[in-house]
Amino acid sequence: MKDIHKLKGGIFGLLVGDALGVPYEFHEPEDIPPLENIEMTPPEGFMRAHSMVKPATWSDDGAQALCLLDSLVEKGGFDLEDFSRKILAWYDKGLWAVGGRVFDVGIQTGMSLDAFRGGVKPEKAGLIRPDGKGNGALMRVLPLALWHEGSNEQLVDDAHRQCLITHGNITNQVCCALYVLMARELLKGNDTESALDSSAAEIRRIYADKPEYSDEFEFRIRPEEPDFWQGSGGGYVLDSLKSTVMLLRNSSTYEEVVKGAVALGHDTDTTACIAGGLAGIIYGYEGIPSRWLEELREKEKVDSLLERWLGQ
């Protein structure tokens, strides 16, 4: 039986992390305020990214994650066509965007969704830029791990497939696969190190008869290599994964994880979203600072979605 507090912690962990990071996006780490001053509303005089966006607003990261959860709840399983249509509805009409306003769209995502709207199949749309390896699929995949009741093989396959609409490159698929397996291990109450070790071993087992994926995993991800898990908060999908593991290892509270993500600079909202989702599982819903939950805009809409899913 899954822990409701960990499930809610995962969803709100990613949303709060995303919203916390939005004002600080695109800044170099040396320009980020000290940790104690990183809040939903930055210190006076700080030049906010997306200055017309109100504080405590989640971005494309959170909106796409909610599109995924919405689709899972509605369809009772992962449906690439339905999920793709919901992502397009976010892009075109602001589905699950706060206030219906879309203010931050990655180049890869925009090109892929334009292609999908134009008739390209969702399985192919994310390969419009074949070498695109941004973190736009990793940032939204967590709800799949929280919702999923199937085998690890099925979870990995769905994690691969949810990438296809915008980020079809195999690197993105492999990173998402490791991430969702880690999330599943953390839901069981395992710590970061054992979750990482177990997930890497399981990936190798699942990929044993998938040589293309196995080669990609061994080439890109070397979990046993000393100092491999050092990230810089950038938008490359593997850097986001590295940053997440680094932050989880070096923090002892949810707040430390997401503030540490923002302190890295660069892609602050997405790093804090990806790391914050796993931190939300580890520390639970109660571990997310109440001040941030109270500030989060349109939280009631998320509460309604969670009620549809969890029945409470």
Protein backbone atom coordinates (compact mmCIF):
# COMPACT_ATOMS: atom_id res chain seq x y z
CA MET A 1 0.00 0.00 0.00
CA LYS A 2 1.48 3.32 -1.06
CA ASP A 3 1.85 6.11 1.48
CA ILE A 4 -0.60 8.94 0.68
CA HIS A 5 1.73 11.46 2.28
CA LYS A 6 4.57 10.41 -0.02
CA LEU A 7 2.31 10.53 -3.09
CA LYS A 8 1.07 14.02 -2.24
CA GLY A 9 4.63 14.98 -1.32
CA GLY A 10 5.81 13.98 -4.78
CA ILE A 11 3.19 16.05 -6.60
CA PHE A 12 3.46 19.13 -4.42
CA GLY A 13 7.21 18.67 -4.11
CA LEU A 14 7.63 19.12 -7.85
CA LEU A 15 5.11 21.99 -8.06
CA VAL A 16 6.55 23.94 -5.15
CA GLY A 17 10.10 23.41 -6.40
CA ASP A 18 9.10 24.59 -9.86
CA ALA A 19 7.34 27.69 -8.51
CA LEU A 20 10.22 28.50 -6.16
CA GLY A 21 12.69 28.38 -9.04
CA VAL A 22 10.75 30.42 -11.60
CA PRO A 23 11.93 33.92 -10.54
CA TYR A 24 15.59 32.86 -10.45
CA GLU A 25 15.78 31.17 -13.87
CA PHE A 26 18.60 32.09 -16.29
CA HIS A 27 20.80 33.59 -13.55
CA GLU A 28 24.37 32.54 -12.90
CA PRO A 29 24.94 30.92 -9.49
CA GLU A 30 26.92 33.90 -8.24
CA ASP A 31 23.89 36.12 -8.86
CA ILE A 32 21.48 33.99 -6.82
CA PRO A 33 20.67 35.34 -3.32
CA PRO A 34 22.02 33.51 -0.24
CA LEU A 35 20.10 30.37 0.70
CA GLU A 36 18.28 32.04 3.58
CA ASN A 37 16.87 34.64 1.16
CA ILE A 38 15.62 32.23 -1.51
CA GLU A 39 11.83 32.41 -1.26
CA MET A 40 8.84 32.50 -3.61
CA THR A 41 9.23 36.28 -3.65
CA PRO A 42 12.92 37.13 -4.18
CA PRO A 43 14.65 39.86 -2.17
CA GLU A 44 13.95 43.44 -3.16
CA GLY A 45 16.16 44.55 -6.03
CA PHE A 46 16.66 41.06 -7.47
CA MET A 47 16.02 41.05 -11.23
CA ARG A 48 13.37 38.35 -11.55
CA ALA A 49 13.03 36.14 -14.59
CA HIS A 50 9.48 36.28 -16.01
CA SER A 51 8.91 39.55 -14.17
CA MET A 52 5.25 39.71 -15.19
CA VAL A 53 4.52 36.33 -13.56
CA LYS A 54 3.25 36.46 -9.98
CA PRO A 55 5.33 34.68 -7.32
CA ALA A 56 4.38 31.10 -6.40
CA THR A 57 3.39 30.22 -9.98
CA TRP A 58 4.43 26.89 -11.43
CA SER A 59 5.67 26.87 -15.01
CA ASP A 60 5.56 24.48 -17.98
CA ASP A 61 7.24 21.86 -15.80
CA GLY A 62 4.40 21.60 -13.33
CA ALA A 63 1.67 22.07 -15.93
CA GLN A 64 2.92 19.20 -18.06
CA ALA A 65 3.27 16.95 -15.00
CA LEU A 66 -0.35 17.71 -14.12
CA CYS A 67 -1.37 16.96 -17.71
CA LEU A 68 0.24 13.55 -17.29
CA LEU A 69 -1.48 12.85 -13.97
CA ASP A 70 -4.81 14.08 -15.37
CA SER A 71 -4.47 11.71 -18.33
CA LEU A 72 -3.52 8.76 -16.11
CA VAL A 73 -6.50 9.32 -13.82
CA GLU A 74 -8.90 9.83 -16.71
CA LYS A 75 -7.74 6.89 -18.82
CA GLY A 76 -6.74 4.48 -16.08
CA GLY A 77 -3.35 3.95 -17.72
CA PHE A 78 -0.78 5.64 -19.87
CA ASP A 79 -2.27 6.64 -23.23
CA LEU A 80 0.25 8.43 -25.44
CA GLU A 81 -2.40 9.92 -27.73
CA ASP A 82 -4.46 11.34 -24.85
CA PHE A 83 -1.40 12.62 -23.03
CA SER A 84 -0.13 14.26 -26.21
CA ARG A 85 -3.46 16.00 -26.74
CA LYS A 86 -3.41 17.28 -23.18
CA ILE A 87 0.12 18.62 -23.65
CA LEU A 88 -1.02 20.34 -26.84
CA ALA A 89 -4.00 21.78 -24.94
CA TRP A 90 -1.54 23.19 -22.40
CA TYR A 91 0.54 24.71 -25.21
CA ASP A 92 -2.42 26.16 -27.12
CA LYS A 93 -4.95 26.91 -24.37
CA GLY A 94 -3.11 26.85 -21.05
CA LEU A 95 -4.46 23.55 -19.70
CA TRP A 96 -3.13 23.17 -16.13
CA ALA A 97 -1.16 26.41 -16.45
CA VAL A 98 -1.79 28.84 -13.61
CA GLY A 99 -4.32 31.37 -14.84
CA GLY A 100 -4.30 29.57 -18.19
CA ARG A 101 -1.14 31.46 -19.08
CA VAL A 102 1.79 29.72 -20.77
CA PHE A 103 4.93 31.81 -20.27
CA ASP A 104 7.87 29.45 -20.76
CA VAL A 105 8.14 26.94 -23.61
CA GLY A 106 11.34 25.16 -24.58
CA ILE A 107 12.42 25.26 -28.23
CA GLN A 108 12.31 21.47 -28.52
CA THR A 109 8.84 21.31 -26.98
CA GLY A 110 7.44 24.06 -29.17
CA MET A 111 8.76 22.53 -32.37
CA SER A 112 7.48 19.07 -31.46
CA LEU A 113 4.00 20.25 -30.51
CA ASP A 114 3.76 22.36 -33.66
CA ALA A 115 4.57 19.20 -35.62
CA PHE A 116 1.99 17.17 -33.68
CA ARG A 117 -0.67 19.79 -34.33
CA GLY A 118 0.27 19.60 -38.00
CA GLY A 119 -0.38 15.87 -38.18
CA VAL A 120 2.88 14.19 -37.13
CA LYS A 121 2.22 11.12 -34.97
CA PRO A 122 3.11 11.53 -31.27
CA GLU A 123 5.62 8.67 -31.58
CA LYS A 124 7.58 10.80 -34.08
CA ALA A 125 6.91 14.39 -33.00
CA GLY A 126 9.67 14.40 -30.38
CA LEU A 127 12.27 13.53 -32.98
CA ILE A 128 11.78 16.72 -35.00
CA ARG A 129 15.12 17.63 -33.46
CA PRO A 130 16.69 14.15 -33.28
CA ASP A 131 19.54 15.17 -31.00
CA GLY A 132 17.37 17.17 -28.59
CA LYS A 133 18.43 16.20 -25.06
CA GLY A 134 16.83 18.87 -22.91
CA ASN A 135 15.14 18.03 -19.62
CA GLY A 136 11.57 18.63 -20.82
CA ALA A 137 10.45 15.00 -20.47
CA LEU A 138 12.27 14.34 -17.20
CA MET A 139 10.62 17.33 -15.51
CA ARG A 140 7.11 15.91 -15.96
CA VAL A 141 7.52 12.13 -15.62
CA LEU A 142 7.16 11.73 -11.83
CA PRO A 143 3.35 11.31 -11.75
CA LEU A 144 3.81 8.14 -13.78
CA ALA A 145 5.88 6.56 -11.01
CA LEU A 146 3.48 7.75 -8.31
CA TRP A 147 0.40 6.41 -10.13
CA HIS A 148 1.80 3.20 -11.64
CA GLU A 149 0.80 -0.21 -10.26
CA GLY A 150 2.43 -2.35 -12.97
CA SER A 151 5.77 -4.12 -13.16
CA ASN A 152 9.08 -2.34 -13.38
CA GLU A 153 9.25 -3.33 -17.04
CA GLN A 154 5.87 -1.70 -17.70
CA LEU A 155 6.84 1.41 -15.74
CA VAL A 156 10.06 1.78 -17.74
CA ASP A 157 8.24 1.27 -21.03
CA ASP A 158 5.69 3.95 -20.14
CA ALA A 159 8.49 6.28 -19.01
CA HIS A 160 10.11 5.82 -22.42
CA ARG A 161 6.84 6.44 -24.25
CA GLN A 162 5.88 9.62 -22.41
CA CYS A 163 9.09 11.16 -23.78
CA LEU A 164 8.11 10.62 -27.41
CA ILE A 165 5.74 13.53 -27.94
CA THR A 166 8.45 16.14 -27.26
CA HIS A 167 11.80 14.53 -26.39
CA GLY A 168 12.16 11.26 -28.27
CA ASN A 169 15.95 10.90 -28.13
CA ILE A 170 17.02 7.72 -26.35
CA THR A 171 19.10 9.65 -23.81
CA ASN A 172 15.92 11.27 -22.50
CA GLN A 173 14.18 7.91 -22.33
CA VAL A 174 16.96 6.26 -20.33
CA CYS A 175 17.20 9.15 -17.86
CA CYS A 176 13.43 9.07 -17.31
CA ALA A 177 13.55 5.32 -16.78
CA LEU A 178 16.19 5.55 -14.04
CA TYR A 179 14.34 8.44 -12.40
CA VAL A 180 10.97 6.65 -12.17
CA LEU A 181 12.60 3.51 -10.78
CA MET A 182 14.31 5.66 -8.15
CA ALA A 183 10.97 7.23 -7.31
CA ARG A 184 9.43 3.77 -6.91
CA GLU A 185 12.22 2.74 -4.53
CA LEU A 186 11.84 5.95 -2.51
CA LEU A 187 8.10 5.30 -2.21
CA LYS A 188 9.01 2.05 -0.45
CA GLY A 189 10.92 4.08 2.14
CA ASN A 190 14.41 3.31 0.85
CA ASP A 191 17.11 5.96 1.18
CA THR A 192 18.71 7.75 -1.76
CA GLU A 193 21.76 5.49 -1.99
CA SER A 194 19.90 2.21 -1.89
CA ALA A 195 17.25 3.58 -4.27
CA LEU A 196 19.96 4.55 -6.75
CA ASP A 197 21.79 1.23 -6.46
CA SER A 198 18.62 -0.84 -6.80
CA SER A 199 17.36 1.21 -9.74
CA ALA A 200 20.64 0.93 -11.64
CA ALA A 201 20.66 -2.84 -11.14
CA GLU A 202 17.04 -3.09 -12.25
CA ILE A 203 17.67 -0.96 -15.35
CA ARG A 204 20.49 -3.29 -16.34
CA ARG A 205 18.22 -6.30 -15.90
CA ILE A 206 15.39 -4.74 -17.92
CA TYR A 207 17.76 -3.58 -20.66
CA ALA A 208 19.51 -6.96 -20.92
CA ASP A 209 17.52 -7.82 -24.05
CA LYS A 210 17.46 -4.22 -25.35
CA PRO A 211 21.02 -3.65 -26.58
CA GLU A 212 20.40 -0.12 -27.86
CA TYR A 213 19.09 0.97 -24.47
CA SER A 214 21.72 -1.00 -22.58
CA ASP A 215 24.52 0.62 -24.56
CA GLU A 216 23.03 4.07 -24.01
CA PHE A 217 22.73 3.51 -20.27
CA GLU A 218 26.28 2.25 -19.89
CA PHE A 219 27.67 5.02 -22.09
CA ARG A 220 25.77 7.93 -20.49
CA ILE A 221 25.17 6.86 -16.93
CA ARG A 222 27.95 5.43 -14.83
CA PRO A 223 26.45 5.33 -11.35
CA GLU A 224 29.41 3.58 -9.73
CA GLU A 225 32.00 6.02 -11.09
CA PRO A 226 33.47 8.33 -8.43
CA ASP A 227 32.22 11.91 -8.71
CA PHE A 228 29.78 11.04 -11.51
CA TRP A 229 26.79 12.50 -9.65
CA GLN A 230 27.90 16.12 -9.81
CA GLY A 231 25.47 18.47 -11.57
CA SER A 232 25.52 22.15 -12.45
CA GLY A 233 21.81 22.95 -12.72
CA GLY A 234 21.80 23.09 -16.52
CA GLY A 235 19.10 22.13 -18.98
CA TYR A 236 20.78 19.00 -20.39
CA VAL A 237 18.74 16.01 -19.23
CA LEU A 238 21.71 14.10 -17.80
CA ASP A 239 22.92 17.17 -15.92
CA SER A 240 19.45 17.52 -14.39
CA LEU A 241 19.58 13.90 -13.24
CA LYS A 242 23.08 14.37 -11.82
CA SER A 243 22.04 17.56 -10.04
CA THR A 244 19.06 15.77 -8.50
CA VAL A 245 21.11 12.92 -7.04
CA MET A 246 23.75 15.36 -5.80
CA LEU A 247 21.13 17.51 -4.06
CA LEU A 248 19.38 14.55 -2.44
CA ARG A 249 22.69 13.22 -1.15
CA ASN A 250 23.78 16.56 0.31
CA SER A 251 20.52 17.63 1.98
CA SER A 252 18.51 16.54 4.99
CA THR A 253 15.22 18.40 4.37
CA TYR A 254 12.94 19.20 1.46
CA GLU A 255 13.75 22.89 1.85
CA GLU A 256 17.49 22.25 1.59
CA VAL A 257 16.99 20.26 -1.62
CA VAL A 258 15.00 22.88 -3.52
CA LYS A 259 16.94 25.87 -2.23
CA GLY A 260 20.11 24.05 -3.21
CA ALA A 261 18.66 23.50 -6.68
CA VAL A 262 17.92 27.20 -7.07
CA ALA A 263 21.39 28.10 -5.78
CA LEU A 264 22.92 26.22 -8.73
CA GLY A 265 21.50 28.90 -11.03
CA HIS A 266 20.71 28.36 -14.73
CA ASP A 267 17.59 26.17 -15.15
CA THR A 268 16.46 26.78 -11.59
CA ASP A 269 12.76 25.97 -11.92
CA THR A 270 13.30 22.65 -13.68
CA THR A 271 16.14 21.49 -11.44
CA ALA A 272 14.07 22.33 -8.36
CA CYS A 273 11.06 20.59 -9.91
CA ILE A 274 12.91 17.36 -10.73
CA ALA A 275 14.79 17.23 -7.43
CA GLY A 276 11.82 18.55 -5.45
CA GLY A 277 9.56 15.77 -6.65
CA LEU A 278 11.84 13.07 -5.25
CA ALA A 279 12.49 15.11 -2.10
CA GLY A 280 8.73 15.37 -1.65
CA ILE A 281 8.54 11.57 -1.64
CA ILE A 282 11.41 11.26 0.85
CA TYR A 283 10.17 13.87 3.33
CA GLY A 284 6.45 13.59 2.64
CA TYR A 285 3.80 16.24 2.22
CA GLU A 286 4.34 17.39 5.81
CA GLY A 287 8.01 17.98 5.03
CA ILE A 288 7.21 20.74 2.52
CA PRO A 289 7.23 24.13 4.28
CA SER A 290 3.66 25.19 4.98
CA ARG A 291 4.42 28.78 3.96
CA TRP A 292 5.18 27.61 0.43
CA LEU A 293 2.11 25.39 0.21
CA GLU A 294 -0.05 28.29 1.38
CA GLU A 295 1.49 30.63 -1.17
CA LEU A 296 1.21 28.22 -4.12
CA ARG A 297 -1.27 29.64 -6.60
CA GLU A 298 -4.26 27.52 -7.67
CA LYS A 299 -3.39 24.81 -5.17
CA GLU A 300 -7.10 24.01 -4.91
CA LYS A 301 -7.11 22.77 -8.51
CA VAL A 302 -4.36 20.31 -7.68
CA ASP A 303 -6.22 19.23 -4.54
CA SER A 304 -9.25 18.44 -6.72
CA LEU A 305 -7.15 16.36 -9.11
CA LEU A 306 -5.62 14.47 -6.20
CA GLU A 307 -9.09 13.81 -4.83
CA ARG A 308 -10.08 12.28 -8.17
CA TRP A 309 -6.98 10.11 -8.01
CA LEU A 310 -6.66 9.23 -4.36
CA GLY A 311 -10.23 9.71 -3.19
CA GLN A 312 -9.25 12.13 -0.45
